Amino acid sequence: MGFTRKYIRESNFVLTLVRDSVSDKELCDHVRLLTAETVDMHPFLELTDVTELRDLSGITELGTITTGTFEGERKPHKVDKLAVLVASDELYELAAAYMATSLYYRHEAKIFKDFRQAIEWLGVADLENEINNLRRE
């Protein structure tokens, strides 16, 4: 299934769902599309949910790190935030590789294993029901 982006534009929020399997190329394409689609969203708040990513065979640490550099195509804003929601140590390691590069371009980025903590940290806890509905669609 790959990447699905769902927006709550009035809150400058995007939920990125990553499901089943992805490749380095799909990750690259996603980051470039996301950057283009959110160029005017500030502060930009993103929750990337990779808890349903099952097949990691098409994605590499090097590809993940390299793709993180594409965040540089976005004009940084002092309060842009990225929260990545993971369900396993293996996903945590891939998210950490991405963060290592993307932190040069994002104000803050953090990895979570708990959904509620992630949305609280992003400052969108008031959107919990709406975000959960988007996660289920």
N, C-alpha and C. Protein backbone atom coordinates (compact mmCIF):
# COMPACT_ATOMS: atom_id res chain seq x y z
N MET A 1 0.82 -1.20 0.00
CA MET A 1 0.00 0.00 0.00
C MET A 1 0.86 1.26 0.00
N GLY A 2 1.95 1.28 0.76
CA GLY A 2 2.85 2.41 0.74
C GLY A 2 2.39 3.60 1.56
N PHE A 3 2.50 4.79 0.97
CA PHE A 3 2.25 6.05 1.68
C PHE A 3 0.87 6.62 1.36
N THR A 4 0.21 7.11 2.40
CA THR A 4 -1.04 7.84 2.25
C THR A 4 -0.94 9.08 3.13
N ARG A 5 -1.24 10.24 2.55
CA ARG A 5 -1.20 11.50 3.30
C ARG A 5 -2.63 11.99 3.50
N LYS A 6 -2.93 12.39 4.74
CA LYS A 6 -4.26 12.92 5.07
C LYS A 6 -4.05 14.23 5.81
N TYR A 7 -4.77 15.25 5.37
CA TYR A 7 -4.55 16.60 5.86
C TYR A 7 -5.68 17.11 6.73
N ILE A 8 -5.32 17.88 7.74
CA ILE A 8 -6.22 18.75 8.47
C ILE A 8 -5.60 20.14 8.31
N ARG A 9 -5.88 20.73 7.16
CA ARG A 9 -5.17 21.95 6.74
C ARG A 9 -5.36 23.14 7.68
N GLU A 10 -6.56 23.27 8.25
CA GLU A 10 -6.79 24.42 9.13
C GLU A 10 -5.91 24.38 10.38
N SER A 11 -5.34 23.21 10.67
CA SER A 11 -4.42 23.05 11.81
C SER A 11 -2.98 22.85 11.35
N ASN A 12 -2.73 23.01 10.05
CA ASN A 12 -1.39 22.79 9.47
C ASN A 12 -0.84 21.41 9.83
N PHE A 13 -1.73 20.43 9.81
CA PHE A 13 -1.38 19.08 10.23
C PHE A 13 -1.53 18.10 9.07
N VAL A 14 -0.58 17.17 9.01
CA VAL A 14 -0.68 16.07 8.05
C VAL A 14 -0.38 14.76 8.77
N LEU A 15 -1.20 13.77 8.49
CA LEU A 15 -0.98 12.42 8.96
C LEU A 15 -0.48 11.62 7.77
N THR A 16 0.69 11.04 7.91
CA THR A 16 1.23 10.17 6.87
C THR A 16 1.13 8.74 7.38
N LEU A 17 0.40 7.92 6.66
CA LEU A 17 0.27 6.51 7.00
C LEU A 17 1.19 5.71 6.09
N VAL A 18 1.98 4.85 6.68
CA VAL A 18 2.90 4.00 5.92
C VAL A 18 2.51 2.56 6.25
N ARG A 19 2.00 1.87 5.24
CA ARG A 19 1.46 0.53 5.48
C ARG A 19 2.05 -0.50 4.52
N ASP A 20 2.04 -1.72 4.99
CA ASP A 20 2.44 -2.90 4.22
C ASP A 20 3.92 -2.87 3.89
N SER A 21 4.30 -2.33 2.74
CA SER A 21 5.70 -2.31 2.35
C SER A 21 6.00 -1.02 1.58
N VAL A 22 7.26 -0.61 1.63
CA VAL A 22 7.71 0.56 0.88
C VAL A 22 9.14 0.32 0.41
N SER A 23 9.54 1.13 -0.54
CA SER A 23 10.91 1.07 -1.05
C SER A 23 11.58 2.41 -0.83
N ASP A 24 12.88 2.43 -1.00
CA ASP A 24 13.62 3.69 -0.90
C ASP A 24 13.07 4.71 -1.90
N LYS A 25 12.76 4.26 -3.12
CA LYS A 25 12.23 5.18 -4.13
C LYS A 25 10.88 5.75 -3.70
N GLU A 26 10.01 4.90 -3.16
CA GLU A 26 8.70 5.38 -2.70
C GLU A 26 8.85 6.40 -1.57
N LEU A 27 9.81 6.17 -0.67
CA LEU A 27 10.07 7.12 0.40
C LEU A 27 10.53 8.45 -0.17
N CYS A 28 11.44 8.40 -1.12
CA CYS A 28 11.93 9.60 -1.79
C CYS A 28 10.78 10.36 -2.46
N ASP A 29 9.97 9.64 -3.22
CA ASP A 29 8.83 10.27 -3.90
C ASP A 29 7.86 10.89 -2.90
N HIS A 30 7.61 10.18 -1.81
CA HIS A 30 6.70 10.70 -0.78
C HIS A 30 7.22 12.01 -0.19
N VAL A 31 8.49 12.06 0.19
CA VAL A 31 9.04 13.26 0.82
C VAL A 31 8.98 14.44 -0.16
N ARG A 32 9.30 14.21 -1.41
CA ARG A 32 9.24 15.29 -2.39
C ARG A 32 7.80 15.77 -2.61
N LEU A 33 6.84 14.86 -2.71
CA LEU A 33 5.42 15.25 -2.87
C LEU A 33 4.92 15.98 -1.64
N LEU A 34 5.25 15.47 -0.47
CA LEU A 34 4.83 16.11 0.77
C LEU A 34 5.38 17.53 0.86
N THR A 35 6.62 17.70 0.50
CA THR A 35 7.23 19.03 0.52
C THR A 35 6.48 19.98 -0.40
N ALA A 36 6.16 19.52 -1.60
CA ALA A 36 5.44 20.36 -2.55
C ALA A 36 4.02 20.68 -2.07
N GLU A 37 3.36 19.69 -1.47
CA GLU A 37 1.97 19.87 -1.04
C GLU A 37 1.83 20.74 0.21
N THR A 38 2.91 20.91 0.96
CA THR A 38 2.83 21.62 2.24
C THR A 38 3.68 22.87 2.29
N VAL A 39 4.10 23.35 1.15
CA VAL A 39 5.02 24.48 1.10
C VAL A 39 4.50 25.71 1.85
N ASP A 40 3.21 25.92 1.88
CA ASP A 40 2.65 27.09 2.55
C ASP A 40 2.08 26.80 3.93
N MET A 41 2.32 25.62 4.47
CA MET A 41 1.80 25.27 5.78
C MET A 41 2.85 25.57 6.85
N HIS A 42 2.56 26.56 7.69
CA HIS A 42 3.47 26.90 8.79
C HIS A 42 2.67 27.34 9.99
N PRO A 43 2.96 26.88 11.18
CA PRO A 43 3.93 25.82 11.42
C PRO A 43 3.39 24.50 10.86
N PHE A 44 4.28 23.67 10.40
CA PHE A 44 3.93 22.40 9.78
C PHE A 44 4.07 21.30 10.82
N LEU A 45 2.99 20.59 11.09
CA LEU A 45 2.97 19.53 12.10
C LEU A 45 2.65 18.21 11.40
N GLU A 46 3.53 17.23 11.54
CA GLU A 46 3.33 15.96 10.86
C GLU A 46 3.46 14.80 11.81
N LEU A 47 2.52 13.87 11.71
CA LEU A 47 2.61 12.59 12.39
C LEU A 47 2.74 11.53 11.30
N THR A 48 3.85 10.82 11.32
CA THR A 48 4.06 9.71 10.39
C THR A 48 3.87 8.43 11.18
N ASP A 49 2.86 7.67 10.81
CA ASP A 49 2.50 6.44 11.50
C ASP A 49 3.00 5.25 10.68
N VAL A 50 4.05 4.60 11.18
CA VAL A 50 4.60 3.43 10.48
C VAL A 50 4.30 2.13 11.23
N THR A 51 3.32 2.17 12.11
CA THR A 51 3.01 0.99 12.93
C THR A 51 2.49 -0.18 12.10
N GLU A 52 2.01 0.08 10.89
CA GLU A 52 1.50 -1.00 10.05
C GLU A 52 2.42 -1.30 8.86
N LEU A 53 3.66 -0.84 8.94
CA LEU A 53 4.65 -1.18 7.93
C LEU A 53 5.17 -2.57 8.26
N ARG A 54 4.93 -3.52 7.38
CA ARG A 54 5.23 -4.93 7.66
C ARG A 54 6.48 -5.45 6.95
N ASP A 55 6.70 -5.02 5.72
CA ASP A 55 7.80 -5.55 4.92
C ASP A 55 8.85 -4.46 4.74
N LEU A 56 10.00 -4.64 5.34
CA LEU A 56 11.07 -3.64 5.28
C LEU A 56 12.14 -4.00 4.25
N SER A 57 11.89 -5.02 3.44
CA SER A 57 12.93 -5.50 2.53
C SER A 57 13.28 -4.50 1.43
N GLY A 58 12.40 -3.55 1.12
CA GLY A 58 12.66 -2.60 0.04
C GLY A 58 13.24 -1.28 0.51
N ILE A 59 13.50 -1.16 1.80
CA ILE A 59 13.99 0.10 2.33
C ILE A 59 15.31 -0.14 3.07
N THR A 60 16.25 0.77 2.87
CA THR A 60 17.56 0.63 3.49
C THR A 60 17.87 1.82 4.38
N GLU A 61 18.79 1.61 5.29
CA GLU A 61 19.21 2.72 6.16
C GLU A 61 19.82 3.84 5.33
N LEU A 62 20.66 3.50 4.36
CA LEU A 62 21.27 4.52 3.50
C LEU A 62 20.21 5.28 2.72
N GLY A 63 19.23 4.58 2.16
CA GLY A 63 18.15 5.24 1.43
C GLY A 63 17.34 6.15 2.32
N THR A 64 17.13 5.73 3.55
CA THR A 64 16.37 6.53 4.51
C THR A 64 17.14 7.79 4.88
N ILE A 65 18.43 7.66 5.13
CA ILE A 65 19.26 8.82 5.47
C ILE A 65 19.31 9.78 4.29
N THR A 66 19.54 9.25 3.10
CA THR A 66 19.61 10.08 1.90
C THR A 66 18.30 10.84 1.67
N THR A 67 17.19 10.16 1.83
CA THR A 67 15.89 10.80 1.63
C THR A 67 15.67 11.92 2.65
N GLY A 68 16.16 11.75 3.85
CA GLY A 68 16.04 12.80 4.86
C GLY A 68 16.61 14.13 4.40
N THR A 69 17.61 14.08 3.52
CA THR A 69 18.20 15.33 3.02
C THR A 69 17.24 16.11 2.14
N PHE A 70 16.24 15.41 1.56
CA PHE A 70 15.27 16.11 0.71
C PHE A 70 14.38 17.05 1.50
N GLU A 71 14.38 16.91 2.82
CA GLU A 71 13.64 17.86 3.65
C GLU A 71 14.21 19.27 3.47
N GLY A 72 15.44 19.35 2.99
CA GLY A 72 16.06 20.65 2.75
C GLY A 72 15.37 21.44 1.66
N GLU A 73 14.52 20.79 0.88
CA GLU A 73 13.77 21.49 -0.16
C GLU A 73 12.64 22.32 0.43
N ARG A 74 12.32 22.09 1.70
CA ARG A 74 11.30 22.86 2.41
C ARG A 74 12.00 24.02 3.10
N LYS A 75 11.37 25.18 3.05
CA LYS A 75 11.90 26.32 3.78
C LYS A 75 11.65 26.05 5.27
N PRO A 76 12.68 25.97 6.08
CA PRO A 76 12.49 25.67 7.49
C PRO A 76 11.70 26.77 8.20
N HIS A 77 10.94 26.38 9.17
CA HIS A 77 10.18 27.30 9.99
C HIS A 77 10.49 26.97 11.44
N LYS A 78 10.52 27.95 12.29
CA LYS A 78 11.01 27.75 13.65
C LYS A 78 10.19 26.80 14.51
N VAL A 79 8.98 26.45 14.11
CA VAL A 79 8.18 25.54 14.93
C VAL A 79 7.68 24.30 14.17
N ASP A 80 8.20 24.01 13.00
CA ASP A 80 7.82 22.79 12.29
C ASP A 80 8.23 21.57 13.11
N LYS A 81 7.33 20.58 13.21
CA LYS A 81 7.59 19.39 14.01
C LYS A 81 7.21 18.13 13.25
N LEU A 82 7.97 17.06 13.50
CA LEU A 82 7.68 15.74 12.96
C LEU A 82 7.69 14.74 14.10
N ALA A 83 6.62 13.97 14.24
CA ALA A 83 6.56 12.85 15.18
C ALA A 83 6.40 11.58 14.35
N VAL A 84 7.20 10.58 14.65
CA VAL A 84 7.10 9.30 13.95
C VAL A 84 6.65 8.27 14.98
N LEU A 85 5.57 7.58 14.65
CA LEU A 85 4.99 6.56 15.52
C LEU A 85 5.41 5.19 15.02
N VAL A 86 6.12 4.44 15.86
CA VAL A 86 6.64 3.13 15.49
C VAL A 86 6.09 2.06 16.42
N ALA A 87 6.21 0.80 15.99
CA ALA A 87 5.72 -0.32 16.80
C ALA A 87 6.80 -1.35 17.10
N SER A 88 8.00 -1.16 16.56
CA SER A 88 9.06 -2.15 16.78
C SER A 88 10.42 -1.47 16.85
N ASP A 89 11.38 -2.20 17.39
CA ASP A 89 12.74 -1.67 17.48
C ASP A 89 13.35 -1.48 16.09
N GLU A 90 13.03 -2.38 15.17
CA GLU A 90 13.55 -2.27 13.80
C GLU A 90 13.04 -0.99 13.13
N LEU A 91 11.75 -0.69 13.31
CA LEU A 91 11.19 0.55 12.76
C LEU A 91 11.77 1.77 13.47
N TYR A 92 12.02 1.63 14.76
CA TYR A 92 12.63 2.72 15.52
C TYR A 92 13.99 3.07 14.92
N GLU A 93 14.79 2.06 14.61
CA GLU A 93 16.12 2.29 14.04
C GLU A 93 16.05 2.99 12.69
N LEU A 94 15.11 2.58 11.83
CA LEU A 94 14.95 3.26 10.53
C LEU A 94 14.49 4.70 10.73
N ALA A 95 13.56 4.92 11.66
CA ALA A 95 13.10 6.28 11.94
C ALA A 95 14.25 7.13 12.47
N ALA A 96 15.08 6.55 13.32
CA ALA A 96 16.23 7.29 13.86
C ALA A 96 17.21 7.67 12.76
N ALA A 97 17.39 6.80 11.78
CA ALA A 97 18.28 7.12 10.65
C ALA A 97 17.73 8.31 9.87
N TYR A 98 16.42 8.32 9.65
CA TYR A 98 15.79 9.45 8.95
C TYR A 98 15.93 10.72 9.77
N MET A 99 15.69 10.63 11.06
CA MET A 99 15.77 11.80 11.94
C MET A 99 17.17 12.40 11.96
N ALA A 100 18.17 11.54 11.86
CA ALA A 100 19.55 12.03 11.91
C ALA A 100 19.81 13.09 10.86
N THR A 101 19.16 12.96 9.71
CA THR A 101 19.32 13.94 8.65
C THR A 101 18.25 15.01 8.69
N SER A 102 17.01 14.61 8.91
CA SER A 102 15.91 15.58 8.82
C SER A 102 15.96 16.63 9.92
N LEU A 103 16.63 16.36 11.02
CA LEU A 103 16.72 17.35 12.09
C LEU A 103 17.49 18.60 11.67
N TYR A 104 18.25 18.50 10.60
CA TYR A 104 18.91 19.69 10.06
C TYR A 104 17.88 20.66 9.48
N TYR A 105 16.71 20.14 9.11
CA TYR A 105 15.72 20.93 8.39
C TYR A 105 14.44 21.17 9.18
N ARG A 106 14.16 20.35 10.15
CA ARG A 106 12.97 20.50 10.99
C ARG A 106 13.40 21.14 12.30
N HIS A 107 12.49 21.92 12.89
CA HIS A 107 12.78 22.49 14.19
C HIS A 107 12.91 21.39 15.23
N GLU A 108 11.96 20.46 15.21
CA GLU A 108 11.98 19.35 16.15
C GLU A 108 11.45 18.10 15.48
N ALA A 109 12.01 16.97 15.86
CA ALA A 109 11.55 15.68 15.38
C ALA A 109 11.79 14.66 16.49
N LYS A 110 10.83 13.76 16.66
CA LYS A 110 10.93 12.80 17.75
C LYS A 110 10.20 11.52 17.38
N ILE A 111 10.68 10.40 17.92
CA ILE A 111 10.09 9.09 17.66
C ILE A 111 9.31 8.65 18.90
N PHE A 112 8.13 8.08 18.64
CA PHE A 112 7.25 7.64 19.72
C PHE A 112 6.76 6.22 19.48
N LYS A 113 6.46 5.52 20.56
CA LYS A 113 5.78 4.23 20.48
C LYS A 113 4.35 4.35 20.99
N ASP A 114 3.97 5.52 21.48
CA ASP A 114 2.64 5.76 22.03
C ASP A 114 1.96 6.90 21.26
N PHE A 115 0.81 6.60 20.65
CA PHE A 115 0.08 7.57 19.83
C PHE A 115 -0.26 8.83 20.62
N ARG A 116 -0.81 8.68 21.81
CA ARG A 116 -1.25 9.83 22.62
C ARG A 116 -0.07 10.75 22.93
N GLN A 117 1.05 10.18 23.31
CA GLN A 117 2.24 11.00 23.59
C GLN A 117 2.68 11.77 22.34
N ALA A 118 2.59 11.13 21.19
CA ALA A 118 3.00 11.78 19.94
C ALA A 118 2.13 13.00 19.63
N ILE A 119 0.82 12.85 19.74
CA ILE A 119 -0.06 13.98 19.40
C ILE A 119 0.01 15.08 20.46
N GLU A 120 0.24 14.69 21.71
CA GLU A 120 0.42 15.71 22.75
C GLU A 120 1.68 16.51 22.48
N TRP A 121 2.77 15.84 22.13
CA TRP A 121 4.03 16.51 21.85
C TRP A 121 3.88 17.45 20.63
N LEU A 122 3.13 17.01 19.63
CA LEU A 122 2.90 17.85 18.46
C LEU A 122 1.99 19.04 18.76
N GLY A 123 1.22 18.95 19.84
CA GLY A 123 0.30 20.02 20.19
C GLY A 123 -1.05 19.91 19.50
N VAL A 124 -1.40 18.68 19.07
CA VAL A 124 -2.67 18.47 18.37
C VAL A 124 -3.56 17.45 19.10
N ALA A 125 -3.40 17.35 20.41
CA ALA A 125 -4.20 16.39 21.17
C ALA A 125 -5.69 16.67 21.05
N ASP A 126 -6.06 17.93 20.81
CA ASP A 126 -7.47 18.27 20.63
C ASP A 126 -8.05 17.67 19.35
N LEU A 127 -7.20 17.20 18.46
CA LEU A 127 -7.63 16.58 17.20
C LEU A 127 -7.60 15.05 17.27
N GLU A 128 -7.46 14.50 18.46
CA GLU A 128 -7.28 13.05 18.61
C GLU A 128 -8.35 12.24 17.90
N ASN A 129 -9.62 12.56 18.10
CA ASN A 129 -10.69 11.79 17.45
C ASN A 129 -10.61 11.88 15.94
N GLU A 130 -10.38 13.08 15.44
CA GLU A 130 -10.28 13.28 13.98
C GLU A 130 -9.09 12.52 13.41
N ILE A 131 -7.96 12.59 14.11
CA ILE A 131 -6.77 11.88 13.63
C ILE A 131 -6.99 10.37 13.67
N ASN A 132 -7.59 9.87 14.73
CA ASN A 132 -7.88 8.44 14.80
C ASN A 132 -8.82 8.00 13.69
N ASN A 133 -9.81 8.83 13.36
CA ASN A 133 -10.70 8.51 12.23
C ASN A 133 -9.92 8.43 10.93
N LEU A 134 -8.99 9.35 10.72
CA LEU A 134 -8.15 9.32 9.52
C LEU A 134 -7.27 8.08 9.49
N ARG A 135 -6.79 7.66 10.64
CA ARG A 135 -5.95 6.46 10.71
C ARG A 135 -6.74 5.21 10.34
N ARG A 136 -8.03 5.19 10.60
CA ARG A 136 -8.87 4.02 10.33
C ARG A 136 -9.39 3.97 8.89
N GLU A 137 -9.42 5.10 8.20
CA GLU A 137 -9.98 5.14 6.84
C GLU A 137 -9.19 4.28 5.88
